[in-house]
Protein backbone atom coordinates (compact mmCIF):
# COMPACT_ATOMS: atom_id res chain seq x y z
CA MET A 1 18.41 10.55 19.57
CA THR A 2 21.84 10.89 17.93
CA ARG A 3 23.60 14.22 18.22
CA THR A 4 27.03 15.40 17.12
CA ASP A 5 29.14 18.52 17.65
CA PRO A 6 27.15 19.96 20.58
CA SER A 7 29.40 23.02 20.72
CA ALA A 8 27.96 24.31 17.46
CA GLU A 9 24.31 23.46 16.79
CA THR A 10 22.16 20.52 17.76
CA LEU A 11 22.43 17.86 15.07
CA LEU A 12 20.74 14.52 14.60
CA ILE A 13 20.42 11.85 11.95
CA ALA A 14 17.39 11.99 9.63
CA ASP A 15 16.25 10.56 6.30
CA CYS A 16 16.38 13.41 3.79
CA PRO A 17 13.77 12.98 1.00
CA VAL A 18 15.83 15.11 -1.42
CA CYS A 19 19.28 13.62 -0.78
CA ARG A 20 17.56 10.22 -0.50
CA LYS A 21 19.89 9.05 2.27
CA LYS A 22 20.56 9.47 5.96
CA VAL A 23 22.02 12.88 6.69
CA LEU A 24 22.88 15.16 9.57
CA ALA A 25 20.04 17.59 10.21
CA ALA A 26 20.17 20.77 12.28
CA VAL A 27 17.40 21.35 14.80
CA ARG A 28 15.54 24.63 14.18
CA GLY A 29 12.65 24.21 16.58
CA GLU A 30 11.24 21.82 19.16
CA VAL A 31 7.86 21.22 20.83
CA VAL A 32 7.02 18.62 23.46
CA GLU A 33 3.38 17.55 23.35
CA PRO A 34 1.91 16.27 26.64
CA PRO A 35 0.23 12.87 27.03
CA ASP A 36 -3.23 12.67 25.49
CA ASP A 37 -5.74 10.22 26.97
CA ASP A 38 -8.25 10.93 24.20
CA ILE A 39 -6.04 9.22 21.61
CA GLY A 40 -4.43 6.72 23.99
CA ARG A 41 -0.98 8.35 24.09
CA GLU A 42 0.33 7.79 27.61
CA ASP A 43 3.70 9.52 27.20
CA PRO A 44 4.96 12.89 25.91
CA TRP A 45 5.69 13.24 22.21
CA ARG A 46 8.59 15.32 20.91
CA VAL A 47 8.23 17.13 17.58
CA LEU A 48 11.28 18.64 15.89
CA LEU A 49 11.69 21.00 12.95
CA VAL A 50 15.04 20.25 11.31
CA ALA A 51 16.97 21.17 8.18
CA CYS A 52 19.25 18.92 6.17
CA THR A 53 22.84 20.17 6.46
CA LEU A 54 23.52 19.21 2.83
CA CYS A 55 20.55 20.66 0.94
CA GLN A 56 18.69 22.64 3.67
CA THR A 57 15.44 20.76 3.06
CA ALA A 58 13.04 21.24 5.95
CA MET A 59 11.71 18.14 7.73
CA VAL A 60 9.51 17.41 10.71
CA LEU A 61 10.61 14.56 12.97
CA ALA A 62 9.01 13.07 16.07
CA SER A 63 10.04 10.75 18.88
CA ALA A 64 8.40 9.13 21.89
CA TYR A 65 9.50 9.45 25.52
CA LEU A 66 11.46 6.53 27.01
CA HIS A 67 10.74 7.04 30.74
CA GLY A 68 14.18 8.33 31.57
CA PRO A 69 15.83 11.70 32.24
CA ASP A 70 15.48 13.42 28.88
CA GLU A 71 15.53 10.09 27.06
CA TRP A 72 13.71 9.83 23.75
CA GLU A 73 13.43 7.29 20.98
CA SER A 74 15.34 7.87 17.78
CA PRO A 75 13.34 10.45 15.81
CA GLU A 76 11.33 9.35 12.81
CA ASN A 77 10.27 11.36 9.79
CA VAL A 78 6.72 12.68 10.03
CA TRP A 79 6.91 15.11 7.08
CA PRO A 80 7.42 15.17 4.14
CA ASN A 81 8.06 11.43 3.76
CA GLY A 82 6.39 10.11 6.89
CA ALA A 83 3.44 7.76 7.11
CA PRO A 84 -0.01 9.22 6.28
CA VAL A 85 -1.66 10.65 9.37
CA VAL A 86 -4.94 8.92 10.24
CA ASP A 87 -7.15 10.06 13.12
CA ALA A 88 -6.99 6.66 14.84
CA PRO A 89 -6.11 5.69 18.42
CA TYR A 90 -2.43 6.10 19.21
CA PRO A 91 -1.51 2.36 19.32
CA VAL A 92 -3.13 1.89 15.91
CA GLN A 93 -1.27 4.90 14.49
CA ARG A 94 2.07 3.65 15.81
CA ALA A 95 1.62 0.18 14.32
CA PHE A 96 0.69 1.63 10.93
CA GLN A 97 3.62 4.06 11.01
CA GLU A 98 5.99 1.20 11.77
CA ALA A 99 4.59 -0.77 8.82
CA TYR A 100 5.14 2.29 6.64
CA ARG A 101 8.75 2.70 7.83
CA CYS A 102 9.47 -0.99 7.26
CA PHE A 103 8.45 -0.57 3.63
CA TYR A 104 9.83 2.85 2.66
CA GLN A 105 12.89 3.16 4.88
CA ALA A 106 14.05 -0.44 5.37
CA ASN A 107 12.69 -2.23 2.29
CA ALA A 108 11.63 -4.96 4.72
CA TYR A 109 8.57 -6.38 3.01
CA SER A 110 7.88 -9.32 5.35
CA ALA A 111 8.09 -6.94 8.31
CA THR A 112 5.73 -4.56 6.50
CA ALA A 113 3.15 -7.31 6.08
CA THR A 114 3.55 -8.39 9.70
CA MET A 115 3.02 -4.84 11.02
CA ALA A 116 0.05 -4.33 8.69
CA ARG A 117 -1.47 -7.43 10.24
CA ARG A 118 -0.65 -6.08 13.70
CA THR A 119 -2.43 -2.85 12.81
CA LEU A 120 -5.50 -4.84 11.80
CA GLU A 121 -5.42 -6.71 15.11
CA LEU A 122 -5.32 -3.43 17.04
CA VAL A 123 -8.24 -2.09 14.99
CA CYS A 124 -10.27 -5.17 15.89
CA LYS A 125 -9.43 -4.75 19.56
CA ASP A 126 -10.33 -1.05 19.52
CA GLN A 127 -13.67 -1.75 17.81
CA GLY A 128 -14.65 -4.44 20.34
CA ALA A 129 -13.56 -7.69 18.64
CA THR A 130 -11.35 -9.13 21.37
CA SER A 131 -11.80 -12.89 21.32
CA GLY A 132 -10.95 -15.67 18.91
CA THR A 133 -8.60 -15.79 15.97
CA LEU A 134 -8.01 -12.81 13.70
CA ALA A 135 -10.35 -14.41 11.16
CA LYS A 136 -13.09 -14.53 13.82
CA LYS A 137 -12.41 -10.92 14.77
CA ILE A 138 -12.75 -9.80 11.16
CA GLU A 139 -15.99 -11.74 10.95
CA TRP A 140 -17.18 -9.92 14.09
CA LEU A 141 -16.42 -6.56 12.45
CA GLN A 142 -18.56 -7.54 9.49
CA GLN A 143 -21.43 -8.86 11.61
CA ASN A 144 -21.47 -5.65 13.67
CA ASP A 145 -21.52 -3.35 10.62
CA LYS A 146 -17.98 -2.05 11.11
CA ILE A 147 -16.87 -3.19 7.65
CA GLU A 148 -18.65 -4.67 4.66
CA GLY A 149 -18.23 -5.65 1.04
CA ARG A 150 -14.85 -4.75 -0.40
CA LEU A 151 -13.43 -3.69 2.98
CA LEU A 152 -14.13 -7.18 4.27
CA ASP A 153 -12.20 -8.59 1.31
CA TRP A 154 -9.29 -6.21 2.00
CA ALA A 155 -9.17 -7.10 5.69
CA THR A 156 -9.08 -10.79 4.78
CA ALA A 157 -6.30 -10.15 2.26
CA LEU A 158 -4.35 -8.29 4.98
CA ARG A 159 -4.67 -11.30 7.23
CA PHE A 160 -3.30 -13.65 4.57
CA VAL A 161 -0.33 -11.43 3.67
CA GLY A 162 0.37 -10.76 7.34
CA ASN A 163 0.36 -14.49 8.04
CA ASP A 164 3.02 -14.98 5.35
CA GLY A 165 5.22 -12.34 6.95
CA ALA A 166 4.71 -13.62 10.49
CA HIS A 167 5.44 -17.24 9.51
CA GLY A 168 8.69 -16.45 7.73
CA ASP A 169 7.41 -16.79 4.17
CA ALA A 170 8.80 -14.37 1.61
CA VAL A 171 6.54 -11.41 0.89
CA LYS A 172 6.85 -9.71 -2.48
CA ARG A 173 7.28 -5.96 -2.68
CA GLN A 174 3.96 -5.45 -4.46
CA ASP A 175 2.10 -7.53 -1.88
CA ALA A 176 3.63 -5.49 0.93
CA GLU A 177 2.71 -2.23 -0.80
CA ASP A 178 -0.85 -3.46 -1.36
CA ALA A 179 -1.03 -4.37 2.32
CA LEU A 180 -0.15 -0.78 3.22
CA VAL A 181 -2.80 0.59 0.85
CA PHE A 182 -5.47 -1.76 2.20
CA THR A 183 -4.53 -0.88 5.79
CA GLU A 184 -4.76 2.85 5.13
CA ALA A 185 -8.14 2.41 3.40
CA LEU A 186 -9.43 0.41 6.35
CA LEU A 187 -8.29 3.07 8.83
CA GLU A 188 -9.80 5.84 6.72
CA HIS A 189 -13.14 4.04 6.56
CA ILE A 190 -13.43 3.19 10.25
CA TYR A 191 -11.87 6.25 11.87
CA VAL A 192 -12.50 9.05 9.37
CA LEU A 193 -15.31 8.38 6.91
CA THR A 194 -17.59 6.54 9.34
CA VAL A 195 -17.21 9.27 11.96
CA GLN A 196 -17.72 11.97 9.32
CA TYR A 197 -20.89 10.29 8.04
CA GLU A 198 -22.28 9.92 11.55
CA LYS A 199 -21.75 13.65 12.12
CA PHE A 200 -23.41 14.41 8.77
CA SER A 201 -26.42 12.20 9.61
CA GLU A 202 -26.78 13.88 13.00
CA ARG A 203 -26.75 17.33 11.37
CA ARG A 204 -29.32 16.23 8.80
CA GLN A 205 -31.63 14.85 11.49
CA LYS A 206 -31.43 18.12 13.41
CA THR A 207 -32.10 20.10 10.23
CA GLU A 208 -35.14 17.98 9.33
CA ALA A 209 -36.46 18.29 12.90
CA ARG A 210 -36.16 22.10 12.73
CA LYS A 211 -37.95 22.15 9.38
CA ALA A 212 -40.80 20.04 10.75
CA ALA A 213 -41.10 22.27 13.82
CA HIS A 214 -41.21 25.38 11.63
CA LYS A 215 -43.98 23.88 9.50
CA VAL A 216 -46.08 23.10 12.59
CA ALA A 217 -45.52 26.59 13.99
CA ALA A 218 -46.41 28.16 10.64
CA LYS A 219 -49.71 26.25 10.46
CA LYS A 220 -50.67 27.37 13.95
CA SER A 221 -49.93 31.02 13.21
CA VAL A 222 -52.11 31.19 10.04
CA PRO A 223 -55.47 32.96 10.89
CA ALA A 224 -58.82 31.40 9.90
CA PRO A 225 -60.05 32.67 6.52
CA ALA A 226 -62.42 35.66 6.79
CA LYS A 227 -66.01 35.20 5.59
CA PRO A 228 -67.19 37.24 2.59
CA ASN A 229 -69.25 40.40 3.26
CA GLY A 230 -72.96 39.59 3.82
CA GLN A 231 -72.40 35.90 4.37
CA GLY A 232 -72.70 36.23 8.14
CA MET A 233 -76.05 38.14 7.85
CA ALA A 234 -77.44 35.59 5.41
CA GLU A 235 -76.52 32.74 7.72
CA ALA A 236 -78.28 34.52 10.62
CA GLN A 237 -81.47 34.96 8.56
CA ASP A 238 -81.47 31.30 7.56
CA ARG A 239 -81.20 30.03 11.12
CA PRO A 240 -84.62 29.13 12.77
CA ALA A 241 -85.87 31.63 15.35
CA THR A 242 -85.37 30.78 19.00
CA PRO A 243 -88.44 30.42 21.33
CA ALA A 244 -87.60 33.71 23.05
CA ALA A 245 -87.64 35.54 19.73
CA VAL A 246 -91.03 34.01 18.81
CA ALA A 247 -92.56 35.04 22.19
CA SER A 248 -91.51 38.61 21.67
């Protein structure tokens, strides 16, 4: 983290979305989030509320712990011009955020494609595809109903563009931007929409089970229909007399 003039207020360098350049930003608030095993974050995470010293625009920055005495990575913009937040495992999030920064902050399109490919590799690993080439891993995702149809096409396109970046071939700006869009769509499908649909299906199954149980209970609680007046006496008269009645 870069700070200047410690005698006044805590300052650091940030990317201001209004000034559209790197500026000094004053720290207005700070929170340190503890490690979170549920998302795979092994280290603390520092979140900072800052204000641009030129235009006073508010920004939220974040940085990871570096395993030293109060040592943190250089902060990165999280809001308003940070990477979209996707509820994915921490390593997947970090790779996608780096791809996003390569594109929007560094204009590094080959690096963007390479990190998009890296994100795809981490998704495959997280979902259980751990052996073979990336092409084989994508095929495994499709065979195990993790992706299908257009998502399969997008994942394959990501692999091709990522290969260009990793092998030193020039990647056009539009291709890099498309790679980011495809990556975000893939993350949304696997980690957000699929989970949301599973929760919806579980709720629907429980609702249908309750409805069926109520129907069964309602049938059991309905009394037998009463016989019309006189029908019982007529039925008794029609029945043949028993031997005891004849003897009397």
